Amino acid sequence: MPELADLLPLILMLAAIGAVAGVIAGLLGVGGGIILVPAFLYAFGALGYGGPAIMQVCLATSLATIVVTSIRSVLAHNRKGAVDWAILRGWAPGIAAGAVLGMLTVAGLATQTLQALFGALALTVAAWLGFGRASWRLGPAMPRGPLRVILAPLLGFLSVLMGIGGGSFGVPLMTVYGVPVHRAVATAAGFGAVIAVPAVAGFLLTPAAGAPPGTLGSVNLPAFTLVIAMTLLTTPIGVRLAHATDASRLKRIFALFLAAVALNMLWSAWGG
């Protein structure tokens, strides 16, 4: 069992990461999980836990934090009248179905494979943040019918593979279909809860071999508690900034950071 003196730096690091993740989730709509998953992987590895299922624990624990932060975020956005509840209600069933499929997929994959998937998907998100344009359009309104039947589960599935809420894929999707960006960020916060709740319910019933102490199923409760305490404090700050700030330059900076994280994850997956 590690001594408190050895754990203290990691505790402080996770607290700081949780604080930053909360601000980013509210500000950019990309989801704090993009930061939390690699941070958990590093922290658990530093403590000596790096088994074949450790990435499963990282994804599940990240999603557990999203249950709380997304609900808090969507309520804060709703007080500003920014949430499009018609989109949220229409897309929620498909997103939830995709999230369950994603959870079942994650439970059956080894850490190396999950790292590679996270890295590849994170590079895609980084490319959008860095090069995407608000003027890009695929249509005048959010898809309905067969296209929604395909896109909604795909959004939930890919989000669970990364351990993130709905912002990283939901915000770009909504903006290319004409939803204003602030409204897209607010509505995507609701996607996060729709993704995380069914996925976490499944992960709580799915034990991960070699998990760190305090892990229930695949969710590490100490890491969840520490991070959620910070994100609860900082997510509303990000929401306020989102409604008062042009975040385009900040998005490009974050895109570079995310690309570096993604490449490092791919390098680790390939045995670097």
Protein backbone atom coordinates (compact mmCIF):
# COMPACT_ATOMS: atom_id res chain seq x y z
CA MET A 1 0.00 0.00 0.00
CA PRO A 2 1.63 3.32 -1.03
CA GLU A 3 2.48 5.82 1.72
CA LEU A 4 0.49 9.06 1.93
CA ALA A 5 3.64 11.04 1.13
CA ASP A 6 3.90 9.12 -2.14
CA LEU A 7 0.22 9.56 -2.94
CA LEU A 8 0.01 13.28 -2.16
CA PRO A 9 1.54 14.50 -5.47
CA LEU A 10 -0.89 12.31 -7.42
CA ILE A 11 -3.81 13.51 -5.31
CA LEU A 12 -2.88 17.12 -6.01
CA MET A 13 -2.39 16.35 -9.70
CA LEU A 14 -5.81 14.71 -10.03
CA ALA A 15 -7.44 17.58 -8.16
CA ALA A 16 -5.86 20.07 -10.56
CA ILE A 17 -6.81 17.95 -13.57
CA GLY A 18 -10.39 17.70 -12.29
CA ALA A 19 -10.55 21.48 -11.95
CA VAL A 20 -9.29 22.04 -15.51
CA ALA A 21 -11.57 19.32 -16.90
CA GLY A 22 -14.62 21.00 -15.38
CA VAL A 23 -13.79 24.37 -16.94
CA ILE A 24 -13.10 22.81 -20.34
CA ALA A 25 -16.32 20.78 -20.25
CA GLY A 26 -18.36 23.92 -19.67
CA LEU A 27 -16.36 26.20 -21.97
CA LEU A 28 -15.62 24.15 -25.06
CA GLY A 29 -18.23 21.41 -24.92
CA VAL A 30 -15.56 18.77 -25.62
CA GLY A 31 -16.04 16.86 -22.38
CA GLY A 32 -13.64 16.58 -19.49
CA GLY A 33 -13.10 12.90 -20.23
CA ILE A 34 -10.61 13.79 -22.94
CA ILE A 35 -8.33 14.99 -20.14
CA LEU A 36 -9.42 12.55 -17.44
CA VAL A 37 -8.86 9.29 -19.32
CA PRO A 38 -5.13 9.82 -20.04
CA ALA A 39 -4.70 11.41 -16.60
CA PHE A 40 -6.21 8.39 -14.86
CA LEU A 41 -4.06 6.08 -16.99
CA TYR A 42 -0.93 7.95 -15.91
CA ALA A 43 -1.96 8.13 -12.24
CA PHE A 44 -2.88 4.46 -11.96
CA GLY A 45 0.29 3.49 -13.80
CA ALA A 46 2.40 5.55 -11.40
CA LEU A 47 0.81 3.61 -8.54
CA GLY A 48 1.74 0.32 -10.17
CA TYR A 49 -1.62 -0.60 -11.69
CA GLY A 50 -1.23 -1.20 -15.40
CA GLY A 51 -2.93 -4.49 -16.12
CA PRO A 52 -4.78 -5.52 -19.27
CA ALA A 53 -8.04 -3.97 -18.00
CA ILE A 54 -6.70 -0.67 -16.60
CA MET A 55 -7.92 1.35 -19.60
CA GLN A 56 -11.40 -0.05 -18.95
CA VAL A 57 -11.19 1.39 -15.41
CA CYS A 58 -10.05 4.76 -16.79
CA LEU A 59 -12.94 4.95 -19.27
CA ALA A 60 -15.54 3.80 -16.74
CA THR A 61 -14.34 6.20 -14.03
CA SER A 62 -14.29 9.10 -16.48
CA LEU A 63 -17.86 8.33 -17.54
CA ALA A 64 -18.92 8.17 -13.89
CA THR A 65 -17.72 11.75 -13.39
CA ILE A 66 -19.62 12.78 -16.52
CA VAL A 67 -22.91 11.60 -14.99
CA VAL A 68 -22.56 14.37 -12.41
CA THR A 69 -20.85 17.11 -14.42
CA SER A 70 -23.12 16.81 -17.44
CA ILE A 71 -26.28 17.07 -15.36
CA ARG A 72 -24.89 20.09 -13.54
CA SER A 73 -23.76 21.63 -16.83
CA VAL A 74 -27.07 21.11 -18.66
CA LEU A 75 -29.00 22.63 -15.75
CA ALA A 76 -26.69 25.66 -15.74
CA HIS A 77 -27.08 26.07 -19.51
CA ASN A 78 -30.85 25.61 -19.21
CA ARG A 79 -31.08 28.51 -16.79
CA LYS A 80 -29.76 30.60 -19.66
CA GLY A 81 -32.37 29.11 -22.01
CA ALA A 82 -29.70 27.55 -24.22
CA VAL A 83 -30.70 23.85 -24.24
CA ASP A 84 -32.63 22.57 -27.26
CA TRP A 85 -34.83 20.01 -25.55
CA ALA A 86 -36.46 18.90 -28.80
CA ILE A 87 -33.08 17.74 -30.15
CA LEU A 88 -32.17 16.17 -26.82
CA ARG A 89 -35.42 14.20 -26.56
CA GLY A 90 -35.30 13.06 -30.18
CA TRP A 91 -31.70 11.86 -30.09
CA ALA A 92 -31.55 10.45 -26.55
CA PRO A 93 -32.90 6.90 -27.23
CA GLY A 94 -30.45 6.21 -30.04
CA ILE A 95 -27.52 7.72 -28.16
CA ALA A 96 -28.30 5.60 -25.09
CA ALA A 97 -28.49 2.44 -27.21
CA GLY A 98 -25.11 3.22 -28.72
CA ALA A 99 -23.66 3.86 -25.26
CA VAL A 100 -24.74 0.43 -24.06
CA LEU A 101 -23.16 -1.17 -27.12
CA GLY A 102 -20.00 0.84 -26.46
CA MET A 103 -19.87 -0.38 -22.85
CA LEU A 104 -20.16 -4.00 -23.95
CA THR A 105 -17.42 -3.45 -26.51
CA VAL A 106 -15.06 -1.80 -24.01
CA ALA A 107 -15.60 -4.63 -21.52
CA GLY A 108 -14.27 -7.10 -24.06
CA LEU A 109 -11.17 -5.20 -25.25
CA ALA A 110 -7.67 -5.06 -23.76
CA THR A 111 -5.96 -1.85 -22.65
CA GLN A 112 -3.65 -1.71 -25.69
CA THR A 113 -6.58 -1.82 -28.12
CA LEU A 114 -8.53 0.77 -26.15
CA GLN A 115 -5.49 3.07 -26.08
CA ALA A 116 -5.20 2.84 -29.85
CA LEU A 117 -8.91 3.59 -30.30
CA PHE A 118 -8.74 6.54 -27.89
CA GLY A 119 -5.69 7.95 -29.69
CA ALA A 120 -7.25 7.66 -33.14
CA LEU A 121 -10.55 9.21 -32.08
CA ALA A 122 -8.82 11.96 -30.10
CA LEU A 123 -6.84 12.92 -33.21
CA THR A 124 -10.15 13.26 -35.06
CA VAL A 125 -11.52 15.56 -32.34
CA ALA A 126 -8.27 17.58 -32.34
CA ALA A 127 -8.51 18.02 -36.11
CA TRP A 128 -12.04 19.38 -35.79
CA LEU A 129 -11.07 21.77 -33.00
CA GLY A 130 -8.05 22.97 -34.94
CA PHE A 131 -9.42 23.20 -38.46
CA GLY A 132 -13.22 23.10 -38.21
CA ARG A 133 -15.15 26.15 -39.33
CA ALA A 134 -18.41 27.49 -37.93
CA SER A 135 -19.60 28.09 -41.50
CA TRP A 136 -19.45 24.41 -42.52
CA ARG A 137 -22.90 22.94 -43.20
CA LEU A 138 -24.29 19.55 -44.16
CA GLY A 139 -27.92 20.62 -43.86
CA PRO A 140 -30.28 23.27 -42.50
CA ALA A 141 -31.62 21.18 -39.58
CA MET A 142 -30.72 18.16 -37.48
CA PRO A 143 -31.31 14.85 -39.32
CA ARG A 144 -34.41 12.80 -38.77
CA GLY A 145 -35.51 9.36 -39.92
CA PRO A 146 -32.93 6.79 -41.08
CA LEU A 147 -29.94 9.13 -40.80
CA ARG A 148 -30.71 9.89 -37.16
CA VAL A 149 -31.16 6.15 -36.53
CA ILE A 150 -27.55 5.71 -37.69
CA LEU A 151 -25.91 8.82 -36.26
CA ALA A 152 -27.41 8.80 -32.75
CA PRO A 153 -26.15 5.31 -31.74
CA LEU A 154 -22.81 6.04 -33.42
CA LEU A 155 -22.40 9.17 -31.31
CA GLY A 156 -23.08 7.22 -28.10
CA PHE A 157 -20.86 4.31 -29.13
CA LEU A 158 -17.81 6.41 -30.04
CA SER A 159 -18.17 8.54 -26.91
CA VAL A 160 -18.03 5.48 -24.63
CA LEU A 161 -14.95 4.19 -26.48
CA MET A 162 -13.26 7.44 -25.41
CA GLY A 163 -14.83 7.69 -21.96
CA ILE A 164 -16.28 11.10 -22.79
CA GLY A 165 -19.61 12.91 -22.85
CA GLY A 166 -21.45 13.93 -25.97
CA GLY A 167 -19.72 17.23 -26.65
CA SER A 168 -16.72 16.10 -28.67
CA PHE A 169 -18.90 14.55 -31.36
CA GLY A 170 -22.27 16.15 -30.62
CA VAL A 171 -21.19 19.79 -30.90
CA PRO A 172 -19.60 19.39 -34.37
CA LEU A 173 -22.58 17.35 -35.52
CA MET A 174 -25.10 19.94 -34.41
CA THR A 175 -23.16 22.92 -35.76
CA VAL A 176 -22.82 21.42 -39.27
CA TYR A 177 -26.60 21.07 -39.22
CA GLY A 178 -27.17 24.72 -38.40
CA VAL A 179 -27.48 24.68 -34.59
CA PRO A 180 -25.77 27.80 -33.11
CA VAL A 181 -22.60 26.83 -31.28
CA HIS A 182 -23.67 28.00 -27.80
CA ARG A 183 -26.94 26.08 -28.18
CA ALA A 184 -25.03 23.04 -29.43
CA VAL A 185 -22.67 23.12 -26.42
CA ALA A 186 -25.62 23.39 -24.03
CA THR A 187 -27.56 20.57 -25.68
CA ALA A 188 -24.48 18.33 -25.89
CA ALA A 189 -24.18 18.61 -22.12
CA GLY A 190 -27.46 16.69 -22.00
CA PHE A 191 -26.04 14.11 -24.42
CA GLY A 192 -23.35 13.47 -21.80
CA ALA A 193 -25.84 12.25 -19.21
CA VAL A 194 -27.66 10.11 -21.78
CA ILE A 195 -24.34 8.45 -22.67
CA ALA A 196 -22.86 8.11 -19.20
CA VAL A 197 -25.80 6.83 -17.13
CA PRO A 198 -26.45 3.54 -19.01
CA ALA A 199 -22.74 2.98 -19.66
CA VAL A 200 -21.77 3.43 -16.00
CA ALA A 201 -24.63 1.20 -14.87
CA GLY A 202 -23.13 -1.54 -17.00
CA PHE A 203 -19.54 -0.86 -15.90
CA LEU A 204 -20.55 -1.10 -12.23
CA LEU A 205 -21.54 -4.72 -12.95
CA THR A 206 -18.40 -5.49 -14.97
CA PRO A 207 -15.35 -6.29 -12.79
CA ALA A 208 -11.94 -5.29 -14.16
CA ALA A 209 -9.07 -7.65 -13.42
CA GLY A 210 -6.17 -6.07 -11.53
CA ALA A 211 -8.05 -2.84 -10.85
CA PRO A 212 -6.75 -0.33 -8.27
CA PRO A 213 -8.14 -0.50 -4.70
CA GLY A 214 -11.57 1.03 -4.22
CA THR A 215 -12.85 -0.06 -7.63
CA LEU A 216 -16.50 -1.13 -7.84
CA GLY A 217 -16.98 -3.09 -11.03
CA SER A 218 -14.82 -0.99 -13.33
CA VAL A 219 -15.37 2.38 -11.61
CA ASN A 220 -12.63 3.56 -9.26
CA LEU A 221 -14.49 5.33 -6.46
CA PRO A 222 -11.56 7.30 -4.89
CA ALA A 223 -10.59 8.83 -8.25
CA PHE A 224 -14.24 9.56 -9.04
CA THR A 225 -14.77 11.28 -5.69
CA LEU A 226 -11.64 13.42 -5.91
CA VAL A 227 -12.20 14.58 -9.46
CA ILE A 228 -15.93 15.18 -9.11
CA ALA A 229 -15.33 17.41 -6.09
CA MET A 230 -13.25 19.71 -8.30
CA THR A 231 -15.36 19.57 -11.45
CA LEU A 232 -18.50 20.42 -9.50
CA LEU A 233 -16.79 23.65 -8.51
CA THR A 234 -15.36 24.57 -11.90
CA THR A 235 -17.91 23.47 -14.53
CA PRO A 236 -20.16 26.52 -13.89
CA ILE A 237 -17.11 28.74 -14.45
CA GLY A 238 -16.68 27.19 -17.87
CA VAL A 239 -20.37 27.67 -18.64
CA ARG A 240 -20.16 31.39 -17.78
CA LEU A 241 -17.05 31.77 -19.93
CA ALA A 242 -18.76 29.96 -22.82
CA HIS A 243 -21.48 32.61 -22.89
CA ALA A 244 -19.04 35.51 -22.60
CA THR A 245 -15.99 34.49 -24.61
CA ASP A 246 -14.96 33.87 -28.20
CA ALA A 247 -13.17 30.57 -27.61
CA SER A 248 -11.85 30.01 -31.16
CA ARG A 249 -8.20 30.70 -30.31
CA LEU A 250 -8.43 28.66 -27.12
CA LYS A 251 -9.89 25.78 -29.12
CA ARG A 252 -6.88 25.76 -31.44
CA ILE A 253 -4.48 25.72 -28.48
CA PHE A 254 -6.43 22.88 -26.91
CA ALA A 255 -6.40 21.06 -30.27
CA LEU A 256 -2.59 21.02 -30.22
CA PHE A 257 -2.59 19.73 -26.65
CA LEU A 258 -5.13 17.05 -27.51
CA ALA A 259 -3.17 15.97 -30.59
CA ALA A 260 -0.07 15.52 -28.42
CA VAL A 261 -2.06 13.45 -25.92
CA ALA A 262 -3.52 11.34 -28.73
CA LEU A 263 -0.12 10.68 -30.32
CA ASN A 264 1.31 9.71 -26.94
CA MET A 265 -1.59 7.29 -26.42
CA LEU A 266 -0.98 5.75 -29.85
CA TRP A 267 2.73 5.47 -29.13
CA SER A 268 1.98 3.67 -25.85
CA ALA A 269 -0.47 1.35 -27.60
CA TRP A 270 2.22 0.39 -30.11
CA GLY A 271 4.66 -0.41 -27.32
CA GLY A 272 6.61 2.85 -27.38
